Amino acid sequence: MPYAERVNATMPLVVEQHGRTALVRLARPDIGNPVDDALLDALTGACGRLADDREVRVLVLAGRPFGRGWPEERLAGLREAPPDLEGLAAFNRRWFAMLAEVPQPVIAAVGGDCLGASFELALAADIRMAGADARFGFSEVALGRLPLAGGVSRLVRATGRPFATRLLLLGEAANAREAHAAGLVHRVVEADDLEMAALRLADAIASRGPLGERFAKEAVRRGLDMPLEQALRYETDLTVILQTTADRAEGVAAFLEKRRPRFTGD
């Protein structure tokens, strides 16, 4: 197993491999798993390595609490408007893009508080699961700010306008049941079962054709921002490419032979 990373107790995350799933566990619950430079550096490095690992078919990002957002020192630095606000926004968007752009499907397993920048990390995942104790929210507008790392755009795309407007304008936090009803989370489970439930879901995804999963993620991610005709053409292009792969031939053969497919990612 190539990943069992944590140099010392101050490291912000642990990366473990469970079969074909990489579990990235936020590892500082005692201080609320803040989204600080240490976490962003570690997560960027982990995403870069995992993206290139053919043995890893799914990523699970898990935490309880999932996180309470930016640390106080970063918020204090925003007391005065920075001279390059656009540069700051671009910087934060770039940091959070590393999770959204991992080619493998990403599941966020959200336990406890998921607030501010931590909520933005969860929104960068493809699928979100929640423990029954999960709580999602943005307090930025109440403090005269806006989410800086895609929170507005990703939230409204995930849930639609009414729910996003409630969370953003009123500053109300949504519980797990409300988040599920709004389509923000795929499934709600008992808090203590969250990590194992996420791994079971990841295992189900990993059992499918890895190239098909990656192409489906790519079609959703890019197609959402395209006009319909362009998105349909892009989807067709990906389908044509997939037709040339060994995995596609194996899937057809397995169907005809009434057996489980043996996908290799080729």
Protein backbone atom coordinates (compact mmCIF):
# COMPACT_ATOMS: atom_id res chain seq x y z
CA MET A 1 0.00 0.00 0.00
CA PRO A 2 1.75 3.16 -1.20
CA TYR A 3 -0.02 5.60 1.12
CA ALA A 4 -0.02 5.58 4.90
CA GLU A 5 1.18 9.11 5.35
CA ARG A 6 1.45 11.09 8.52
CA VAL A 7 4.84 12.31 9.59
CA ASN A 8 3.80 13.43 13.07
CA ALA A 9 0.78 14.33 15.15
CA THR A 10 0.63 17.87 13.80
CA MET A 11 0.07 16.79 10.21
CA PRO A 12 -3.38 17.88 8.98
CA LEU A 13 -4.37 14.67 7.22
CA VAL A 14 -3.75 10.95 6.96
CA VAL A 15 -3.93 9.07 3.66
CA GLU A 16 -4.75 5.36 3.72
CA GLN A 17 -5.49 2.93 0.93
CA HIS A 18 -8.47 0.60 1.32
CA GLY A 19 -8.48 -1.69 -1.69
CA ARG A 20 -8.94 0.60 -4.68
CA THR A 21 -10.04 3.55 -2.55
CA ALA A 22 -7.79 6.22 -1.05
CA LEU A 23 -9.16 7.49 2.25
CA VAL A 24 -7.96 11.02 3.02
CA ARG A 25 -8.85 11.66 6.65
CA LEU A 26 -8.73 15.16 8.13
CA ALA A 27 -6.65 14.55 11.21
CA ARG A 28 -6.89 17.57 13.53
CA PRO A 29 -10.40 17.28 14.98
CA ASP A 30 -9.14 18.65 18.29
CA ILE A 31 -8.74 22.11 16.71
CA GLY A 32 -11.69 21.84 14.32
CA ASN A 33 -9.80 20.75 11.17
CA PRO A 34 -9.13 24.32 9.99
CA VAL A 35 -8.53 25.10 6.33
CA ASP A 36 -5.08 26.57 6.81
CA ASP A 37 -1.95 26.58 4.68
CA ALA A 38 -0.78 23.29 6.19
CA LEU A 39 -3.98 21.52 5.15
CA LEU A 40 -4.03 23.04 1.67
CA ASP A 41 -0.38 22.11 1.08
CA ALA A 42 -0.92 18.55 2.30
CA LEU A 43 -4.15 18.08 0.37
CA THR A 44 -2.62 19.45 -2.82
CA GLY A 45 0.30 17.05 -2.52
CA ALA A 46 -1.96 14.09 -1.79
CA CYS A 47 -4.28 14.89 -4.69
CA GLY A 48 -1.34 15.20 -7.06
CA ARG A 49 0.02 11.77 -6.11
CA LEU A 50 -3.33 10.02 -6.04
CA ALA A 51 -4.39 11.45 -9.40
CA ASP A 52 -1.50 9.60 -11.06
CA ASP A 53 -1.98 6.31 -9.19
CA ARG A 54 -3.66 3.71 -11.40
CA GLU A 55 -4.43 1.57 -8.36
CA VAL A 56 -6.64 4.28 -6.87
CA ARG A 57 -10.08 4.49 -8.43
CA VAL A 58 -11.95 6.58 -5.85
CA LEU A 59 -11.01 9.16 -3.23
CA VAL A 60 -12.85 9.67 0.06
CA LEU A 61 -12.22 12.90 1.97
CA ALA A 62 -13.52 12.38 5.51
CA GLY A 63 -13.60 14.41 8.69
CA ARG A 64 -15.54 14.80 11.92
CA PRO A 65 -15.83 17.67 12.24
CA PHE A 66 -15.29 18.15 8.57
CA GLY A 67 -14.09 21.62 9.48
CA ARG A 68 -15.00 25.07 10.68
CA GLY A 69 -13.39 26.96 7.83
CA TRP A 70 -10.53 29.42 7.75
CA PRO A 71 -8.43 29.77 10.91
CA GLU A 72 -8.77 32.94 12.95
CA GLU A 73 -5.41 34.31 11.82
CA ARG A 74 -6.49 34.25 8.17
CA LEU A 75 -9.76 35.98 8.99
CA ALA A 76 -7.84 38.57 10.97
CA GLY A 77 -5.75 39.22 7.87
CA LEU A 78 -8.92 40.13 5.99
CA ARG A 79 -9.85 42.86 8.46
CA GLU A 80 -8.33 45.33 6.06
CA ALA A 81 -9.17 44.85 2.38
CA PRO A 82 -6.07 43.38 0.71
CA PRO A 83 -4.54 45.42 -2.10
CA ASP A 84 -5.11 42.62 -4.61
CA LEU A 85 -8.51 41.16 -3.81
CA GLU A 86 -8.82 39.55 -7.25
CA GLY A 87 -5.46 37.89 -6.74
CA LEU A 88 -6.59 36.54 -3.39
CA ALA A 89 -9.79 35.13 -4.88
CA ALA A 90 -7.89 33.51 -7.75
CA PHE A 91 -5.41 32.05 -5.26
CA ASN A 92 -8.15 30.45 -3.21
CA ARG A 93 -10.01 29.14 -6.25
CA ARG A 94 -6.78 27.55 -7.47
CA TRP A 95 -6.21 25.81 -4.14
CA PHE A 96 -9.70 24.33 -4.09
CA ALA A 97 -9.59 23.29 -7.75
CA MET A 98 -7.09 20.57 -6.89
CA LEU A 99 -9.87 18.48 -5.36
CA ALA A 100 -12.46 19.17 -8.04
CA GLU A 101 -10.01 18.30 -10.82
CA VAL A 102 -8.77 14.96 -9.51
CA PRO A 103 -9.72 12.56 -12.33
CA GLN A 104 -11.13 9.90 -10.00
CA PRO A 105 -14.56 10.32 -8.40
CA VAL A 106 -14.29 12.08 -5.01
CA ILE A 107 -16.64 11.44 -2.08
CA ALA A 108 -16.79 13.90 0.82
CA ALA A 109 -17.81 12.14 4.05
CA VAL A 110 -19.01 15.02 6.21
CA GLY A 111 -19.40 14.65 9.95
CA GLY A 112 -20.21 17.42 12.40
CA ASP A 113 -19.61 21.03 11.43
CA CYS A 114 -18.91 21.78 7.77
CA LEU A 115 -18.67 25.54 7.66
CA GLY A 116 -17.14 28.26 5.52
CA ALA A 117 -14.05 27.16 3.62
CA SER A 118 -14.54 23.58 4.83
CA PHE A 119 -17.97 23.62 3.19
CA GLU A 120 -16.27 24.81 0.01
CA LEU A 121 -13.98 21.77 0.13
CA ALA A 122 -17.00 19.50 0.44
CA LEU A 123 -18.66 21.25 -2.51
CA ALA A 124 -15.59 20.50 -4.65
CA ALA A 125 -16.28 16.76 -4.26
CA ASP A 126 -18.46 14.83 -6.70
CA ILE A 127 -20.61 13.10 -4.08
CA ARG A 128 -21.31 14.10 -0.49
CA MET A 129 -22.38 11.79 2.32
CA ALA A 130 -23.32 13.15 5.73
CA GLY A 131 -23.41 11.85 9.25
CA ALA A 132 -26.62 12.54 11.10
CA ASP A 133 -24.75 15.18 13.12
CA ALA A 134 -23.57 17.14 10.05
CA ARG A 135 -24.21 20.87 9.77
CA PHE A 136 -23.56 22.95 6.63
CA GLY A 137 -23.31 26.71 6.53
CA PHE A 138 -21.68 29.96 5.44
CA SER A 139 -21.37 32.93 7.80
CA GLU A 140 -19.40 35.10 5.39
CA VAL A 141 -22.21 37.48 4.40
CA ALA A 142 -22.99 38.17 8.06
CA LEU A 143 -19.36 39.30 8.39
CA GLY A 144 -19.52 41.48 5.29
CA ARG A 145 -17.69 39.01 3.06
CA LEU A 146 -18.40 36.36 0.42
CA PRO A 147 -17.10 32.81 0.14
CA LEU A 148 -13.81 33.02 -1.76
CA ALA A 149 -13.28 29.51 -3.07
CA GLY A 150 -16.31 28.61 -5.15
CA GLY A 151 -18.91 28.38 -2.42
CA VAL A 152 -21.54 30.49 -4.15
CA SER A 153 -21.16 28.99 -7.62
CA ARG A 154 -20.84 25.36 -6.56
CA LEU A 155 -23.61 25.55 -3.97
CA VAL A 156 -26.20 26.96 -6.38
CA ARG A 157 -25.23 24.36 -8.99
CA ALA A 158 -25.57 21.56 -6.46
CA THR A 159 -28.90 22.58 -4.91
CA GLY A 160 -30.55 25.29 -6.99
CA ARG A 161 -31.33 28.86 -6.06
CA PRO A 162 -33.76 28.69 -3.07
CA PHE A 163 -31.59 26.56 -0.79
CA ALA A 164 -28.38 28.35 -1.78
CA THR A 165 -29.98 31.73 -1.20
CA ARG A 166 -31.16 30.68 2.26
CA LEU A 167 -27.71 29.55 3.35
CA LEU A 168 -25.87 32.50 1.82
CA LEU A 169 -28.16 35.43 2.60
CA LEU A 170 -29.61 34.34 5.92
CA GLY A 171 -26.46 32.70 7.19
CA GLU A 172 -28.48 29.77 8.47
CA ALA A 173 -26.84 26.38 8.85
CA ALA A 174 -28.63 23.35 7.37
CA ASN A 175 -28.70 20.04 9.17
CA ALA A 176 -28.07 16.71 7.46
CA ARG A 177 -31.75 16.01 6.82
CA GLU A 178 -32.28 19.42 5.19
CA ALA A 179 -29.12 19.04 3.11
CA HIS A 180 -30.32 15.66 1.87
CA ALA A 181 -33.74 17.04 0.95
CA ALA A 182 -32.07 19.85 -1.02
CA GLY A 183 -29.89 17.40 -2.97
CA LEU A 184 -26.68 18.62 -1.36
CA VAL A 185 -25.85 15.20 0.09
CA HIS A 186 -26.37 11.78 -1.46
CA ARG A 187 -27.09 9.90 1.74
CA VAL A 188 -27.34 10.45 5.50
CA VAL A 189 -26.08 7.76 7.87
CA GLU A 190 -25.49 7.43 11.59
CA ALA A 191 -22.56 9.58 12.63
CA ASP A 192 -20.42 6.68 13.83
CA ASP A 193 -21.02 4.74 10.60
CA LEU A 194 -20.07 7.56 8.24
CA GLU A 195 -16.54 6.58 7.27
CA MET A 196 -17.37 2.92 6.69
CA ALA A 197 -20.50 3.83 4.72
CA ALA A 198 -18.43 6.13 2.51
CA LEU A 199 -15.89 3.36 1.94
CA ARG A 200 -18.67 0.95 0.97
CA LEU A 201 -20.01 3.46 -1.53
CA ALA A 202 -16.49 4.01 -2.85
CA ASP A 203 -16.02 0.26 -3.25
CA ALA A 204 -19.21 0.06 -5.32
CA ILE A 205 -17.95 2.85 -7.58
CA ALA A 206 -14.49 1.28 -7.82
CA SER A 207 -15.99 -2.02 -9.02
CA ARG A 208 -17.15 -0.32 -12.21
CA GLY A 209 -15.07 0.58 -15.22
CA PRO A 210 -12.54 3.18 -14.06
CA LEU A 211 -12.29 4.87 -17.45
CA GLY A 212 -16.06 5.08 -17.75
CA GLU A 213 -16.25 6.58 -14.25
CA ARG A 214 -13.60 9.17 -15.05
CA PHE A 215 -15.19 10.08 -18.37
CA ALA A 216 -18.60 10.38 -16.74
CA LYS A 217 -17.15 12.72 -14.11
CA GLU A 218 -15.47 14.77 -16.84
CA ALA A 219 -18.67 14.99 -18.88
CA VAL A 220 -20.61 16.24 -15.85
CA ARG A 221 -17.93 18.67 -14.68
CA ARG A 222 -17.26 20.30 -18.03
CA GLY A 223 -20.64 19.82 -19.65
CA LEU A 224 -22.45 21.73 -16.91
CA ASP A 225 -20.76 24.93 -18.02
CA MET A 226 -21.32 24.41 -21.75
CA PRO A 227 -24.31 25.22 -23.94
CA LEU A 228 -26.39 22.08 -24.43
CA GLU A 229 -25.30 21.42 -28.02
CA GLN A 230 -21.64 21.77 -27.10
CA ALA A 231 -22.10 19.53 -24.05
CA LEU A 232 -23.78 16.85 -26.18
CA ARG A 233 -20.91 16.97 -28.66
CA TYR A 234 -18.38 16.71 -25.85
CA GLU A 235 -20.23 13.72 -24.41
CA THR A 236 -20.18 12.05 -27.83
CA ASP A 237 -16.45 12.71 -28.18
CA LEU A 238 -15.77 11.04 -24.84
CA THR A 239 -17.96 8.09 -25.84
CA VAL A 240 -15.99 7.64 -29.06
CA ILE A 241 -12.70 7.69 -27.14
CA LEU A 242 -14.06 5.17 -24.64
CA GLN A 243 -15.03 2.82 -27.49
CA THR A 244 -11.33 2.38 -28.30
CA THR A 245 -10.37 1.09 -24.84
CA ALA A 246 -9.81 -2.44 -23.60
CA ASP A 247 -12.15 -1.80 -20.67
CA ARG A 248 -15.05 -1.09 -23.00
CA ALA A 249 -14.39 -4.37 -24.86
CA GLU A 250 -14.15 -6.21 -21.54
CA GLY A 251 -17.47 -4.74 -20.39
CA VAL A 252 -19.22 -5.95 -23.54
CA ALA A 253 -17.60 -9.39 -23.31
CA ALA A 254 -18.58 -9.76 -19.65
CA PHE A 255 -22.18 -8.83 -20.46
CA LEU A 256 -22.39 -11.37 -23.27
CA GLU A 257 -20.69 -14.08 -21.19
CA LYS A 258 -22.86 -13.29 -18.13
CA ARG A 259 -19.90 -12.75 -15.78
CA ARG A 260 -18.47 -9.91 -13.76
CA PRO A 261 -16.13 -7.70 -15.79
CA ARG A 262 -12.42 -7.53 -14.99
CA PHE A 263 -11.52 -3.92 -15.66
CA THR A 264 -7.87 -2.86 -15.82
CA GLY A 265 -8.16 0.84 -16.65
CA ASP A 266 -6.76 0.33 -20.18
